[in-house]
Amino acid sequence: MDIEHLVFEKGPKRVGPFSHAVKAGDFIFVTGQMPTLPDNPDVLISNDVEEQTHQVMKNLINVLEQCGSSLERVTFVRVYLVNFQDFDKVNKIYKSYFNEEKLPARTCIGVTGLAVGASVEIDLIAKQ
């Protein structure tokens, strides 16, 4: 199986040394996206977890589109939350991006911290 490491100039600016996504066979593994300003990976879009969640989803969509995929082709998602009190807020926004009849499998993980002080990070796996 061929493995292709994908980095996009028009993708979200990276906060660390990683590819935006890795394609292996028909699957795309998208790196966890952060809620940072589009042109500055060191600055959060906002301190509000809802605004952060929207930005993370926009970043995921950006990477998926550049990979030739979309949210409709997502098979698995991992959500990382610093504060589990934000679970319901994040879920409300997260599910608004998907067809409720075809939600991907998902895991939500509580963490003690995320890069750049983010409250939420999301990574995923999709079919191309």
N, C-alpha and C. Protein backbone atom coordinates (compact mmCIF):
# COMPACT_ATOMS: atom_id res chain seq x y z
N MET A 1 0.84 -1.17 0.00
CA MET A 1 0.00 0.00 0.00
C MET A 1 0.89 1.24 0.00
N ASP A 2 0.59 2.16 -0.90
CA ASP A 2 1.33 3.41 -0.96
C ASP A 2 0.87 4.33 0.17
N ILE A 3 1.81 5.08 0.71
CA ILE A 3 1.51 6.07 1.74
C ILE A 3 1.99 7.42 1.22
N GLU A 4 1.09 8.41 1.28
CA GLU A 4 1.39 9.74 0.77
C GLU A 4 1.21 10.75 1.90
N HIS A 5 2.25 11.55 2.14
CA HIS A 5 2.20 12.59 3.18
C HIS A 5 1.80 13.90 2.53
N LEU A 6 0.71 14.49 3.00
CA LEU A 6 0.13 15.65 2.35
C LEU A 6 0.28 16.91 3.21
N VAL A 7 0.88 17.93 2.63
CA VAL A 7 0.99 19.24 3.27
C VAL A 7 0.49 20.24 2.25
N PHE A 8 -0.43 21.10 2.66
CA PHE A 8 -1.07 22.03 1.74
C PHE A 8 -0.71 23.47 2.07
N GLU A 9 -0.27 24.20 1.06
CA GLU A 9 0.05 25.61 1.26
C GLU A 9 -1.20 26.40 1.65
N LYS A 10 -2.36 26.01 1.11
CA LYS A 10 -3.61 26.70 1.42
C LYS A 10 -4.33 26.09 2.62
N GLY A 11 -3.69 25.15 3.28
CA GLY A 11 -4.29 24.52 4.45
C GLY A 11 -4.09 25.38 5.69
N PRO A 12 -4.72 24.98 6.79
CA PRO A 12 -4.50 25.70 8.05
C PRO A 12 -3.02 25.68 8.39
N LYS A 13 -2.53 26.78 8.91
CA LYS A 13 -1.11 26.84 9.29
C LYS A 13 -0.87 25.83 10.40
N ARG A 14 0.19 25.06 10.28
CA ARG A 14 0.48 23.99 11.23
C ARG A 14 1.12 24.52 12.52
N VAL A 15 0.74 23.93 13.65
CA VAL A 15 1.30 24.34 14.95
C VAL A 15 2.46 23.45 15.36
N GLY A 16 2.82 22.49 14.52
CA GLY A 16 3.91 21.58 14.85
C GLY A 16 4.44 20.88 13.62
N PRO A 17 5.40 19.98 13.80
CA PRO A 17 6.00 19.26 12.68
C PRO A 17 5.18 18.03 12.28
N PHE A 18 4.20 18.23 11.41
CA PHE A 18 3.36 17.13 10.96
C PHE A 18 2.76 17.45 9.59
N SER A 19 2.27 16.43 8.92
CA SER A 19 1.54 16.60 7.67
C SER A 19 0.11 16.98 7.99
N HIS A 20 -0.54 17.71 7.09
CA HIS A 20 -1.97 17.99 7.28
C HIS A 20 -2.76 16.68 7.29
N ALA A 21 -2.32 15.75 6.44
CA ALA A 21 -2.99 14.45 6.35
C ALA A 21 -2.01 13.44 5.76
N VAL A 22 -2.34 12.18 5.98
CA VAL A 22 -1.58 11.09 5.37
C VAL A 22 -2.58 10.19 4.68
N LYS A 23 -2.32 9.93 3.39
CA LYS A 23 -3.19 9.04 2.63
C LYS A 23 -2.55 7.66 2.60
N ALA A 24 -3.33 6.66 3.01
CA ALA A 24 -2.87 5.27 2.98
C ALA A 24 -3.97 4.46 2.33
N GLY A 25 -3.71 3.97 1.12
CA GLY A 25 -4.76 3.29 0.38
C GLY A 25 -5.88 4.26 0.08
N ASP A 26 -7.11 3.87 0.39
CA ASP A 26 -8.28 4.73 0.15
C ASP A 26 -8.63 5.59 1.35
N PHE A 27 -7.81 5.54 2.40
CA PHE A 27 -8.13 6.28 3.61
C PHE A 27 -7.23 7.49 3.81
N ILE A 28 -7.81 8.53 4.39
CA ILE A 28 -7.10 9.76 4.70
C ILE A 28 -7.14 9.95 6.22
N PHE A 29 -5.97 10.12 6.81
CA PHE A 29 -5.85 10.34 8.25
C PHE A 29 -5.49 11.81 8.44
N VAL A 30 -6.46 12.59 8.94
CA VAL A 30 -6.27 14.03 9.08
C VAL A 30 -5.77 14.35 10.48
N THR A 31 -4.68 15.09 10.53
CA THR A 31 -4.08 15.53 11.79
C THR A 31 -5.08 16.36 12.58
N GLY A 32 -5.00 16.25 13.90
CA GLY A 32 -5.85 17.06 14.77
C GLY A 32 -5.74 18.53 14.42
N GLN A 33 -6.88 19.16 14.25
CA GLN A 33 -6.91 20.57 13.88
C GLN A 33 -7.18 21.43 15.11
N MET A 34 -6.55 22.59 15.10
CA MET A 34 -6.62 23.52 16.22
C MET A 34 -7.47 24.72 15.85
N PRO A 35 -8.02 25.41 16.84
CA PRO A 35 -8.86 26.58 16.58
C PRO A 35 -8.05 27.87 16.52
N THR A 36 -7.06 27.89 15.64
CA THR A 36 -6.19 29.06 15.54
C THR A 36 -6.59 29.94 14.37
N LEU A 37 -6.08 31.15 14.39
CA LEU A 37 -6.32 32.08 13.27
C LEU A 37 -5.79 31.44 11.99
N PRO A 38 -6.49 31.64 10.87
CA PRO A 38 -6.09 31.00 9.62
C PRO A 38 -4.64 31.24 9.21
N ASP A 39 -4.11 32.43 9.49
CA ASP A 39 -2.75 32.75 9.08
C ASP A 39 -1.73 32.74 10.22
N ASN A 40 -2.19 32.41 11.45
CA ASN A 40 -1.28 32.43 12.58
C ASN A 40 -1.57 31.26 13.52
N PRO A 41 -0.75 30.21 13.46
CA PRO A 41 -1.00 29.02 14.27
C PRO A 41 -0.71 29.20 15.75
N ASP A 42 -0.26 30.39 16.14
CA ASP A 42 0.07 30.65 17.54
C ASP A 42 -1.03 31.39 18.29
N VAL A 43 -2.10 31.80 17.57
CA VAL A 43 -3.14 32.61 18.19
C VAL A 43 -4.50 31.94 18.01
N LEU A 44 -5.21 31.72 19.12
CA LEU A 44 -6.55 31.14 19.07
C LEU A 44 -7.53 32.09 18.40
N ILE A 45 -8.49 31.52 17.69
CA ILE A 45 -9.54 32.31 17.04
C ILE A 45 -10.34 33.07 18.11
N SER A 46 -10.49 32.44 19.28
CA SER A 46 -11.26 32.99 20.39
C SER A 46 -11.01 32.11 21.60
N ASN A 47 -11.37 32.58 22.78
CA ASN A 47 -11.32 31.74 23.97
C ASN A 47 -12.62 30.98 24.18
N ASP A 48 -13.63 31.28 23.38
CA ASP A 48 -14.94 30.64 23.48
C ASP A 48 -14.91 29.26 22.82
N VAL A 49 -15.28 28.22 23.56
CA VAL A 49 -15.20 26.84 23.05
C VAL A 49 -16.10 26.62 21.83
N GLU A 50 -17.21 27.32 21.77
CA GLU A 50 -18.10 27.17 20.61
C GLU A 50 -17.45 27.74 19.35
N GLU A 51 -16.87 28.92 19.45
CA GLU A 51 -16.17 29.50 18.31
C GLU A 51 -14.96 28.64 17.93
N GLN A 52 -14.28 28.11 18.94
CA GLN A 52 -13.15 27.23 18.66
C GLN A 52 -13.60 25.98 17.90
N THR A 53 -14.73 25.41 18.30
CA THR A 53 -15.22 24.20 17.64
C THR A 53 -15.56 24.48 16.18
N HIS A 54 -16.21 25.60 15.91
CA HIS A 54 -16.51 25.97 14.52
C HIS A 54 -15.22 26.09 13.70
N GLN A 55 -14.19 26.74 14.27
CA GLN A 55 -12.94 26.91 13.53
C GLN A 55 -12.25 25.57 13.28
N VAL A 56 -12.27 24.69 14.27
CA VAL A 56 -11.68 23.36 14.08
C VAL A 56 -12.39 22.63 12.94
N MET A 57 -13.73 22.69 12.92
CA MET A 57 -14.49 22.02 11.85
C MET A 57 -14.17 22.64 10.49
N LYS A 58 -14.05 23.96 10.42
CA LYS A 58 -13.69 24.62 9.15
C LYS A 58 -12.31 24.16 8.69
N ASN A 59 -11.38 24.03 9.63
CA ASN A 59 -10.03 23.57 9.27
C ASN A 59 -10.07 22.13 8.76
N LEU A 60 -10.86 21.28 9.41
CA LEU A 60 -10.99 19.89 8.95
C LEU A 60 -11.58 19.84 7.55
N ILE A 61 -12.61 20.63 7.30
CA ILE A 61 -13.22 20.68 5.97
C ILE A 61 -12.20 21.13 4.93
N ASN A 62 -11.42 22.14 5.26
CA ASN A 62 -10.37 22.64 4.36
C ASN A 62 -9.43 21.51 3.96
N VAL A 63 -8.92 20.79 4.95
CA VAL A 63 -7.96 19.70 4.67
C VAL A 63 -8.64 18.59 3.87
N LEU A 64 -9.84 18.20 4.27
CA LEU A 64 -10.56 17.13 3.54
C LEU A 64 -10.77 17.51 2.08
N GLU A 65 -11.20 18.74 1.83
CA GLU A 65 -11.44 19.17 0.45
C GLU A 65 -10.16 19.12 -0.38
N GLN A 66 -9.04 19.53 0.22
CA GLN A 66 -7.78 19.49 -0.51
C GLN A 66 -7.30 18.06 -0.75
N CYS A 67 -7.82 17.13 0.04
CA CYS A 67 -7.52 15.70 -0.15
C CYS A 67 -8.49 15.04 -1.12
N GLY A 68 -9.49 15.77 -1.58
CA GLY A 68 -10.49 15.20 -2.47
C GLY A 68 -11.56 14.44 -1.72
N SER A 69 -11.81 14.81 -0.48
CA SER A 69 -12.82 14.14 0.33
C SER A 69 -13.74 15.18 0.96
N SER A 70 -14.56 14.74 1.91
CA SER A 70 -15.51 15.64 2.57
C SER A 70 -15.97 15.02 3.88
N LEU A 71 -16.70 15.81 4.65
CA LEU A 71 -17.24 15.29 5.92
C LEU A 71 -18.17 14.10 5.70
N GLU A 72 -18.82 14.03 4.55
CA GLU A 72 -19.72 12.91 4.25
C GLU A 72 -18.97 11.58 4.16
N ARG A 73 -17.65 11.64 3.99
CA ARG A 73 -16.85 10.42 3.83
C ARG A 73 -16.05 10.07 5.09
N VAL A 74 -16.32 10.79 6.18
CA VAL A 74 -15.61 10.55 7.43
C VAL A 74 -16.11 9.26 8.07
N THR A 75 -15.17 8.42 8.49
CA THR A 75 -15.52 7.15 9.13
C THR A 75 -15.31 7.17 10.64
N PHE A 76 -14.33 7.94 11.11
CA PHE A 76 -14.02 7.95 12.54
C PHE A 76 -13.48 9.31 12.95
N VAL A 77 -13.88 9.76 14.14
CA VAL A 77 -13.47 11.06 14.68
C VAL A 77 -13.00 10.89 16.12
N ARG A 78 -11.97 11.67 16.49
CA ARG A 78 -11.57 11.77 17.89
C ARG A 78 -11.65 13.24 18.28
N VAL A 79 -12.36 13.50 19.37
CA VAL A 79 -12.49 14.85 19.91
C VAL A 79 -11.72 14.90 21.23
N TYR A 80 -10.88 15.90 21.38
CA TYR A 80 -10.11 16.10 22.60
C TYR A 80 -10.63 17.35 23.29
N LEU A 81 -11.03 17.21 24.55
CA LEU A 81 -11.56 18.34 25.33
C LEU A 81 -10.74 18.55 26.59
N VAL A 82 -10.40 19.81 26.85
CA VAL A 82 -9.70 20.14 28.08
C VAL A 82 -10.69 20.14 29.24
N ASN A 83 -11.91 20.59 29.00
CA ASN A 83 -12.92 20.70 30.05
C ASN A 83 -14.17 19.93 29.63
N PHE A 84 -14.46 18.84 30.31
CA PHE A 84 -15.63 18.04 29.93
C PHE A 84 -16.95 18.74 30.21
N GLN A 85 -16.91 19.87 30.91
CA GLN A 85 -18.11 20.69 31.07
C GLN A 85 -18.53 21.27 29.71
N ASP A 86 -17.62 21.29 28.73
CA ASP A 86 -17.91 21.80 27.39
C ASP A 86 -18.49 20.74 26.46
N PHE A 87 -18.66 19.52 26.94
CA PHE A 87 -19.10 18.39 26.11
C PHE A 87 -20.37 18.71 25.33
N ASP A 88 -21.41 19.20 25.99
CA ASP A 88 -22.68 19.48 25.32
C ASP A 88 -22.56 20.60 24.29
N LYS A 89 -21.81 21.65 24.61
CA LYS A 89 -21.61 22.77 23.68
C LYS A 89 -20.90 22.29 22.42
N VAL A 90 -19.85 21.51 22.61
CA VAL A 90 -19.08 21.00 21.47
C VAL A 90 -19.93 20.06 20.63
N ASN A 91 -20.66 19.17 21.29
CA ASN A 91 -21.53 18.23 20.56
C ASN A 91 -22.56 18.93 19.70
N LYS A 92 -23.16 19.99 20.21
CA LYS A 92 -24.19 20.72 19.46
C LYS A 92 -23.62 21.26 18.14
N ILE A 93 -22.44 21.83 18.21
CA ILE A 93 -21.81 22.38 17.01
C ILE A 93 -21.30 21.27 16.12
N TYR A 94 -20.62 20.29 16.70
CA TYR A 94 -20.07 19.16 15.95
C TYR A 94 -21.15 18.49 15.10
N LYS A 95 -22.28 18.15 15.71
CA LYS A 95 -23.30 17.40 14.97
C LYS A 95 -23.96 18.24 13.88
N SER A 96 -23.88 19.58 13.98
CA SER A 96 -24.47 20.43 12.95
C SER A 96 -23.72 20.33 11.62
N TYR A 97 -22.51 19.78 11.63
CA TYR A 97 -21.71 19.64 10.43
C TYR A 97 -21.93 18.30 9.72
N PHE A 98 -22.67 17.39 10.34
CA PHE A 98 -22.86 16.06 9.80
C PHE A 98 -24.34 15.76 9.55
N ASN A 99 -24.59 14.82 8.67
CA ASN A 99 -25.93 14.27 8.47
C ASN A 99 -26.23 13.40 9.69
N GLU A 100 -27.27 13.73 10.44
CA GLU A 100 -27.57 13.00 11.67
C GLU A 100 -27.89 11.53 11.43
N GLU A 101 -28.20 11.17 10.20
CA GLU A 101 -28.49 9.77 9.86
C GLU A 101 -27.22 8.98 9.55
N LYS A 102 -26.09 9.72 9.35
CA LYS A 102 -24.84 9.06 8.95
C LYS A 102 -23.67 9.62 9.74
N LEU A 103 -23.80 9.61 11.05
CA LEU A 103 -22.71 10.12 11.90
C LEU A 103 -21.55 9.13 11.91
N PRO A 104 -20.30 9.63 11.89
CA PRO A 104 -19.15 8.73 11.96
C PRO A 104 -19.01 8.15 13.37
N ALA A 105 -18.27 7.07 13.48
CA ALA A 105 -17.90 6.56 14.79
C ALA A 105 -17.04 7.63 15.46
N ARG A 106 -17.05 7.65 16.82
CA ARG A 106 -16.33 8.74 17.48
C ARG A 106 -15.91 8.36 18.89
N THR A 107 -14.80 8.94 19.30
CA THR A 107 -14.32 8.86 20.67
C THR A 107 -14.09 10.28 21.15
N CYS A 108 -14.44 10.56 22.40
CA CYS A 108 -14.18 11.86 23.01
C CYS A 108 -13.26 11.64 24.20
N ILE A 109 -12.16 12.37 24.23
CA ILE A 109 -11.12 12.15 25.22
C ILE A 109 -10.89 13.43 26.02
N GLY A 110 -10.89 13.30 27.34
CA GLY A 110 -10.54 14.42 28.20
C GLY A 110 -9.04 14.50 28.34
N VAL A 111 -8.50 15.70 28.18
CA VAL A 111 -7.05 15.90 28.26
C VAL A 111 -6.74 17.04 29.23
N THR A 112 -5.51 17.09 29.68
CA THR A 112 -5.12 18.15 30.61
C THR A 112 -4.64 19.42 29.92
N GLY A 113 -4.40 19.35 28.63
CA GLY A 113 -3.98 20.53 27.89
C GLY A 113 -3.83 20.23 26.42
N LEU A 114 -3.93 21.29 25.61
CA LEU A 114 -3.76 21.19 24.16
C LEU A 114 -2.83 22.31 23.70
N ALA A 115 -2.25 22.15 22.52
CA ALA A 115 -1.35 23.16 21.95
C ALA A 115 -2.04 24.52 21.93
N VAL A 116 -1.26 25.55 22.05
CA VAL A 116 -1.65 26.97 22.03
C VAL A 116 -2.78 27.31 23.01
N GLY A 117 -3.01 26.46 24.00
CA GLY A 117 -4.05 26.74 25.00
C GLY A 117 -5.47 26.51 24.51
N ALA A 118 -5.62 25.72 23.45
CA ALA A 118 -6.95 25.44 22.90
C ALA A 118 -7.80 24.64 23.89
N SER A 119 -9.11 24.77 23.74
CA SER A 119 -10.06 24.00 24.54
C SER A 119 -10.50 22.73 23.85
N VAL A 120 -10.38 22.69 22.51
CA VAL A 120 -10.83 21.55 21.73
C VAL A 120 -9.90 21.30 20.55
N GLU A 121 -9.71 20.04 20.22
CA GLU A 121 -8.97 19.61 19.04
C GLU A 121 -9.70 18.40 18.49
N ILE A 122 -9.74 18.28 17.16
CA ILE A 122 -10.42 17.15 16.54
C ILE A 122 -9.56 16.60 15.41
N ASP A 123 -9.40 15.26 15.39
CA ASP A 123 -8.77 14.61 14.24
C ASP A 123 -9.75 13.60 13.68
N LEU A 124 -9.46 13.08 12.48
CA LEU A 124 -10.42 12.16 11.88
C LEU A 124 -9.79 11.28 10.81
N ILE A 125 -10.56 10.28 10.43
CA ILE A 125 -10.20 9.37 9.34
C ILE A 125 -11.36 9.40 8.36
N ALA A 126 -11.03 9.49 7.06
CA ALA A 126 -12.07 9.54 6.02
C ALA A 126 -11.64 8.69 4.82
N LYS A 127 -12.61 8.29 4.04
CA LYS A 127 -12.35 7.67 2.75
C LYS A 127 -12.13 8.78 1.74
N GLN A 128 -11.26 8.52 0.78
CA GLN A 128 -11.04 9.53 -0.26
C GLN A 128 -12.22 9.57 -1.19
